[in-house]
Amino acid sequence: MPYLLHNRSKLHYRVIGHGSRVLLAFHGYGQSSAYYQPMEKALGSEYTIYAFDLFFHGHSQLHKHTTPLTKDLLQAFITHFLDKYKVERFSVMAFSMGGKFALTLAERMPERLEELFLIAPDGISTSFWYNIATYPGWLQQLFKRTVLKPAPFFTLLQVLGKYNLVHKSLVRFARFQMDTTPKRLRIYRSWIGFRNLSFDIRNIVAQLNRHQVPVTMFLGEFDQVISPRRVGVFVKALTHGKLVLLKTGHTHLLQEVAELLHRKRSGNN
């Protein structure tokens, strides 16, 4: 699998499809670039998809002296990639945590964006748990201990679920993502490693509108991780924004979008 190397950090990617247009794709937490393989049927004849492994996932590695990831480093990686393939303009697709990578590109190089596809993206509205994980001082240490010794956390989840204080699907999602030590370490390292990827959303909206970038956002009606209510307002502020609401939750949303796009391009609405 090809990769980019910069300051002893590696960003791996896979090539999907053979179309004339270029699409950079970023997956969600706990996934890899392989999750974009179903997009080949949907978009592979129109786009060549370069699907990246996020750092701490797949084969990508963020060296300790470049942690946490900065927007400058991410921009340097992508600029190197674009120069390597002699790409002037490109589109971006991102799911969940990959939304932070997409928003960085929208902020740093909006003039080169042809189209932006956001699938339940992180980075527009920050969650309570993310704030705790990245907050300096004792709260961060408390969260780290929770990741390493999760029993109290799961007890709390059970209580919250029992009294319907947290949606049951969110409890299931949290249990699945934190049920092993490697998973818990990955989520902590990812949250800490990407803590500098925060955004002035109004500025990004202004940039996208100024450069007339079409944006399509796909959200799951039953998604409790990235709630439509919390991020839908972003689309309304865009001049060329479109919202597609699917009857699904968070976990399978990327697959559902691939199937939807395949049906549309096959003429089977």
Protein backbone atom coordinates (compact mmCIF):
# COMPACT_ATOMS: atom_id res chain seq x y z
CA MET A 1 0.00 0.00 0.00
CA PRO A 2 1.50 3.41 -0.96
CA TYR A 3 2.27 5.98 1.70
CA LEU A 4 3.56 9.50 2.28
CA LEU A 5 6.49 10.14 4.62
CA HIS A 6 7.07 13.44 6.43
CA ASN A 7 9.03 14.14 9.63
CA ARG A 8 9.15 10.38 10.41
CA SER A 9 5.36 10.13 10.27
CA LYS A 10 3.64 7.92 7.67
CA LEU A 11 0.27 8.45 6.02
CA HIS A 12 -0.85 5.36 4.11
CA TYR A 13 -3.56 5.30 1.46
CA ARG A 14 -5.19 2.95 -1.02
CA VAL A 15 -6.34 3.70 -4.58
CA ILE A 16 -9.92 2.78 -5.49
CA GLY A 17 -11.53 3.25 -8.91
CA HIS A 18 -10.20 4.70 -12.12
CA GLY A 19 -12.23 7.84 -12.88
CA SER A 20 -10.81 11.11 -14.19
CA ARG A 21 -11.77 13.14 -11.10
CA VAL A 22 -9.84 12.92 -7.82
CA LEU A 23 -11.56 12.19 -4.50
CA LEU A 24 -9.67 12.16 -1.20
CA ALA A 25 -11.46 10.03 1.41
CA PHE A 26 -11.11 9.85 5.20
CA HIS A 27 -12.74 7.12 7.28
CA GLY A 28 -14.15 7.13 10.81
CA TYR A 29 -12.92 5.99 14.21
CA GLY A 30 -12.02 2.30 14.48
CA GLN A 31 -12.01 1.84 10.69
CA SER A 32 -9.40 1.92 7.92
CA SER A 33 -9.21 3.00 4.31
CA ALA A 34 -10.69 -0.40 3.37
CA TYR A 35 -14.11 0.87 4.50
CA TYR A 36 -14.22 2.93 1.29
CA GLN A 37 -13.99 -0.16 -0.92
CA PRO A 38 -17.80 -0.23 -1.49
CA MET A 39 -17.50 3.24 -3.04
CA GLU A 40 -15.83 1.65 -6.07
CA LYS A 41 -19.19 0.49 -7.44
CA ALA A 42 -20.79 3.83 -6.69
CA LEU A 43 -18.08 6.27 -7.78
CA GLY A 44 -15.18 4.29 -9.24
CA SER A 45 -15.94 5.07 -12.88
CA GLU A 46 -16.18 8.82 -12.22
CA TYR A 47 -13.50 9.24 -9.54
CA THR A 48 -10.13 7.84 -8.62
CA ILE A 49 -10.54 7.58 -4.86
CA TYR A 50 -7.50 7.96 -2.64
CA ALA A 51 -8.66 6.62 0.72
CA PHE A 52 -6.31 7.43 3.60
CA ASP A 53 -5.72 5.53 6.83
CA LEU A 54 -6.12 8.07 9.62
CA PHE A 55 -3.24 8.21 12.08
CA PHE A 56 -3.53 5.55 14.84
CA HIS A 57 -5.52 3.45 12.34
CA GLY A 58 -4.58 1.03 9.58
CA HIS A 59 -0.94 1.45 8.58
CA SER A 60 -0.58 5.18 9.24
CA GLN A 61 1.77 6.24 12.03
CA LEU A 62 2.11 9.62 13.71
CA HIS A 63 5.59 9.87 15.22
CA LYS A 64 5.68 10.90 18.86
CA HIS A 65 7.53 14.14 18.17
CA THR A 66 4.76 15.22 15.77
CA THR A 67 1.95 14.40 18.23
CA PRO A 68 -0.56 15.97 18.51
CA LEU A 69 -1.23 16.36 14.81
CA THR A 70 -1.24 19.97 13.63
CA LYS A 71 -3.11 21.46 10.70
CA ASP A 72 0.25 22.51 9.25
CA LEU A 73 1.51 18.92 9.21
CA LEU A 74 -1.70 17.58 7.70
CA GLN A 75 -1.62 20.29 5.04
CA ALA A 76 2.02 19.43 4.28
CA PHE A 77 1.11 15.76 3.80
CA ILE A 78 -1.78 16.55 1.46
CA THR A 79 0.20 19.17 -0.49
CA HIS A 80 2.96 16.59 -0.98
CA PHE A 81 0.36 14.10 -2.18
CA LEU A 82 -1.20 16.58 -4.63
CA ASP A 83 2.21 17.52 -6.00
CA LYS A 84 3.14 13.84 -6.38
CA TYR A 85 0.07 13.12 -8.52
CA LYS A 86 0.01 16.58 -10.18
CA VAL A 87 -3.51 17.28 -8.90
CA GLU A 88 -4.80 20.85 -9.03
CA ARG A 89 -8.40 20.41 -7.91
CA PHE A 90 -9.99 17.60 -5.96
CA SER A 91 -13.08 16.54 -4.01
CA VAL A 92 -13.19 15.26 -0.43
CA MET A 93 -15.36 12.68 1.32
CA ALA A 94 -15.20 12.10 5.07
CA PHE A 95 -17.05 10.00 7.61
CA SER A 96 -17.28 10.67 11.35
CA MET A 97 -13.82 11.41 12.82
CA GLY A 98 -12.48 11.83 9.29
CA GLY A 99 -14.54 15.01 9.20
CA LYS A 100 -11.73 16.75 11.08
CA PHE A 101 -9.37 16.02 8.19
CA ALA A 102 -11.92 17.23 5.63
CA LEU A 103 -12.61 20.44 7.55
CA THR A 104 -8.87 21.13 7.76
CA LEU A 105 -8.65 20.97 3.96
CA ALA A 106 -11.77 23.12 3.60
CA GLU A 107 -10.18 25.68 5.90
CA ARG A 108 -6.67 25.59 4.41
CA MET A 109 -7.27 25.11 0.67
CA PRO A 110 -10.92 25.84 -0.22
CA GLU A 111 -9.92 27.28 -3.61
CA ARG A 112 -8.83 23.78 -4.71
CA LEU A 113 -12.00 21.97 -3.62
CA GLU A 114 -14.41 20.81 -6.32
CA GLU A 115 -16.95 19.18 -4.00
CA LEU A 116 -17.26 18.17 -0.37
CA PHE A 117 -19.13 15.09 0.88
CA LEU A 118 -19.56 14.96 4.67
CA ILE A 119 -21.01 11.82 6.25
CA ALA A 120 -22.00 12.40 9.90
CA PRO A 121 -18.81 14.46 10.31
CA ASP A 122 -17.00 15.13 13.56
CA GLY A 123 -15.45 18.58 14.03
CA ILE A 124 -18.54 20.75 13.56
CA SER A 125 -19.98 20.16 17.01
CA THR A 126 -17.68 18.87 19.76
CA SER A 127 -18.95 16.23 22.17
CA PHE A 128 -18.89 16.40 25.96
CA TRP A 129 -16.58 13.37 26.21
CA TYR A 130 -14.13 14.84 23.72
CA ASN A 131 -13.93 18.03 25.77
CA ILE A 132 -13.07 16.00 28.86
CA ALA A 133 -10.44 13.95 27.02
CA THR A 134 -8.63 16.98 25.65
CA TYR A 135 -9.05 19.33 28.61
CA PRO A 136 -5.69 20.03 30.27
CA GLY A 137 -5.02 18.96 33.84
CA TRP A 138 -6.70 16.52 36.16
CA LEU A 139 -9.79 15.89 33.98
CA GLN A 140 -7.58 14.55 31.19
CA GLN A 141 -5.74 12.30 33.64
CA LEU A 142 -9.06 11.08 35.00
CA PHE A 143 -10.20 10.18 31.50
CA LYS A 144 -6.91 8.40 30.81
CA ARG A 145 -7.38 6.28 33.94
CA THR A 146 -10.92 5.54 32.78
CA VAL A 147 -9.57 4.31 29.45
CA LEU A 148 -7.01 2.06 31.14
CA LYS A 149 -9.40 0.87 33.88
CA PRO A 150 -12.87 1.11 32.36
CA ALA A 151 -14.99 -0.70 34.98
CA PRO A 152 -16.33 2.53 36.60
CA PHE A 153 -17.10 3.93 33.15
CA PHE A 154 -19.13 0.88 32.14
CA THR A 155 -20.94 0.95 35.47
CA LEU A 156 -21.88 4.57 34.82
CA LEU A 157 -23.07 3.67 31.30
CA GLN A 158 -25.24 0.91 32.73
CA VAL A 159 -26.86 3.29 35.20
CA LEU A 160 -27.41 6.01 32.60
CA GLY A 161 -28.91 3.46 30.20
CA LYS A 162 -31.14 1.97 32.89
CA TYR A 163 -32.73 5.33 33.66
CA ASN A 164 -32.86 6.37 29.98
CA LEU A 165 -30.44 9.25 30.55
CA VAL A 166 -28.38 8.10 27.55
CA HIS A 167 -29.82 6.53 24.40
CA LYS A 168 -29.35 2.77 24.33
CA SER A 169 -27.72 2.85 20.88
CA LEU A 170 -25.09 5.25 22.23
CA VAL A 171 -24.42 2.86 25.13
CA ARG A 172 -23.97 -0.02 22.67
CA PHE A 173 -21.65 2.09 20.51
CA ALA A 174 -19.50 3.06 23.52
CA ARG A 175 -19.28 -0.54 24.73
CA PHE A 176 -18.24 -1.79 21.29
CA GLN A 177 -15.58 0.89 20.86
CA MET A 178 -14.08 0.37 24.33
CA ASP A 179 -14.43 -3.35 25.02
CA THR A 180 -10.69 -4.17 24.71
CA THR A 181 -7.51 -2.50 25.90
CA PRO A 182 -6.19 -1.83 22.34
CA LYS A 183 -9.50 -0.17 21.41
CA ARG A 184 -9.45 1.99 24.54
CA LEU A 185 -5.85 3.05 23.91
CA ARG A 186 -6.65 3.86 20.29
CA ILE A 187 -9.60 6.06 21.19
CA TYR A 188 -7.55 7.93 23.79
CA ARG A 189 -4.57 8.39 21.45
CA SER A 190 -6.86 9.51 18.62
CA TRP A 191 -8.68 12.07 20.74
CA ILE A 192 -5.44 13.42 22.16
CA GLY A 193 -3.62 13.18 18.83
CA PHE A 194 -6.30 15.15 16.97
CA ARG A 195 -7.06 17.70 19.69
CA ASN A 196 -5.55 20.56 17.65
CA LEU A 197 -7.99 19.95 14.80
CA SER A 198 -10.62 22.41 15.97
CA PHE A 199 -12.35 24.94 13.77
CA ASP A 200 -14.02 28.30 13.40
CA ILE A 201 -17.07 26.88 11.63
CA ARG A 202 -18.37 30.31 10.59
CA ASN A 203 -15.08 30.98 8.81
CA ILE A 204 -15.23 27.62 7.01
CA VAL A 205 -18.82 28.31 5.89
CA ALA A 206 -17.70 31.71 4.59
CA GLN A 207 -14.78 30.11 2.71
CA LEU A 208 -16.96 27.42 1.14
CA ASN A 209 -19.54 30.04 0.08
CA ARG A 210 -16.88 32.39 -1.28
CA HIS A 211 -15.44 29.65 -3.49
CA GLN A 212 -18.88 28.22 -4.31
CA VAL A 213 -18.00 24.70 -3.20
CA PRO A 214 -20.97 22.29 -3.39
CA VAL A 215 -21.38 20.45 -0.08
CA THR A 216 -23.52 17.35 0.46
CA MET A 217 -24.00 16.17 4.02
CA PHE A 218 -25.36 12.69 4.76
CA LEU A 219 -26.80 12.11 8.21
CA GLY A 220 -28.48 9.17 9.92
CA GLU A 221 -31.95 9.82 11.27
CA PHE A 222 -31.25 7.51 14.23
CA ASP A 223 -27.62 8.54 14.74
CA GLN A 224 -26.96 9.27 18.43
CA VAL A 225 -23.18 9.83 17.94
CA ILE A 226 -23.33 12.68 15.41
CA SER A 227 -26.84 14.00 15.87
CA PRO A 228 -28.59 15.60 12.86
CA ARG A 229 -29.89 18.30 15.18
CA ARG A 230 -26.35 19.33 16.16
CA VAL A 231 -24.75 19.52 12.71
CA GLY A 232 -27.68 20.13 10.35
CA VAL A 233 -27.47 23.90 10.90
CA PHE A 234 -24.09 23.85 9.12
CA VAL A 235 -25.75 22.90 5.82
CA LYS A 236 -28.40 25.60 6.15
CA ALA A 237 -25.68 28.27 6.26
CA LEU A 238 -24.16 27.12 2.96
CA THR A 239 -25.06 28.64 -0.39
CA HIS A 240 -24.56 25.31 -2.15
CA GLY A 241 -25.42 22.91 0.65
CA LYS A 242 -27.57 19.79 0.44
CA LEU A 243 -28.72 17.57 3.31
CA VAL A 244 -29.54 13.88 2.79
CA LEU A 245 -31.15 12.12 5.75
CA LEU A 246 -31.01 8.32 5.77
CA LYS A 247 -33.01 5.98 7.98
CA THR A 248 -30.02 4.46 9.78
CA GLY A 249 -27.74 4.96 12.76
CA HIS A 250 -24.08 5.89 12.90
CA THR A 251 -22.22 2.60 12.49
CA HIS A 252 -23.45 1.60 9.03
CA LEU A 253 -23.88 5.08 7.56
CA LEU A 254 -20.85 4.95 5.25
CA GLN A 255 -22.08 1.68 3.72
CA GLU A 256 -25.60 3.11 3.35
CA VAL A 257 -24.23 6.16 1.50
CA ALA A 258 -22.24 3.93 -0.85
CA GLU A 259 -25.38 1.93 -1.65
CA LEU A 260 -27.44 5.10 -2.16
CA LEU A 261 -24.88 6.61 -4.55
CA HIS A 262 -24.62 3.32 -6.45
CA ARG A 263 -28.40 3.19 -6.91
CA LYS A 264 -28.53 6.81 -8.12
CA ARG A 265 -25.77 6.30 -10.66
CA SER A 266 -27.38 3.08 -11.83
CA GLY A 267 -30.66 4.91 -12.37
CA ASN A 268 -32.44 2.96 -9.62
CA ASN A 269 -33.76 5.60 -7.25
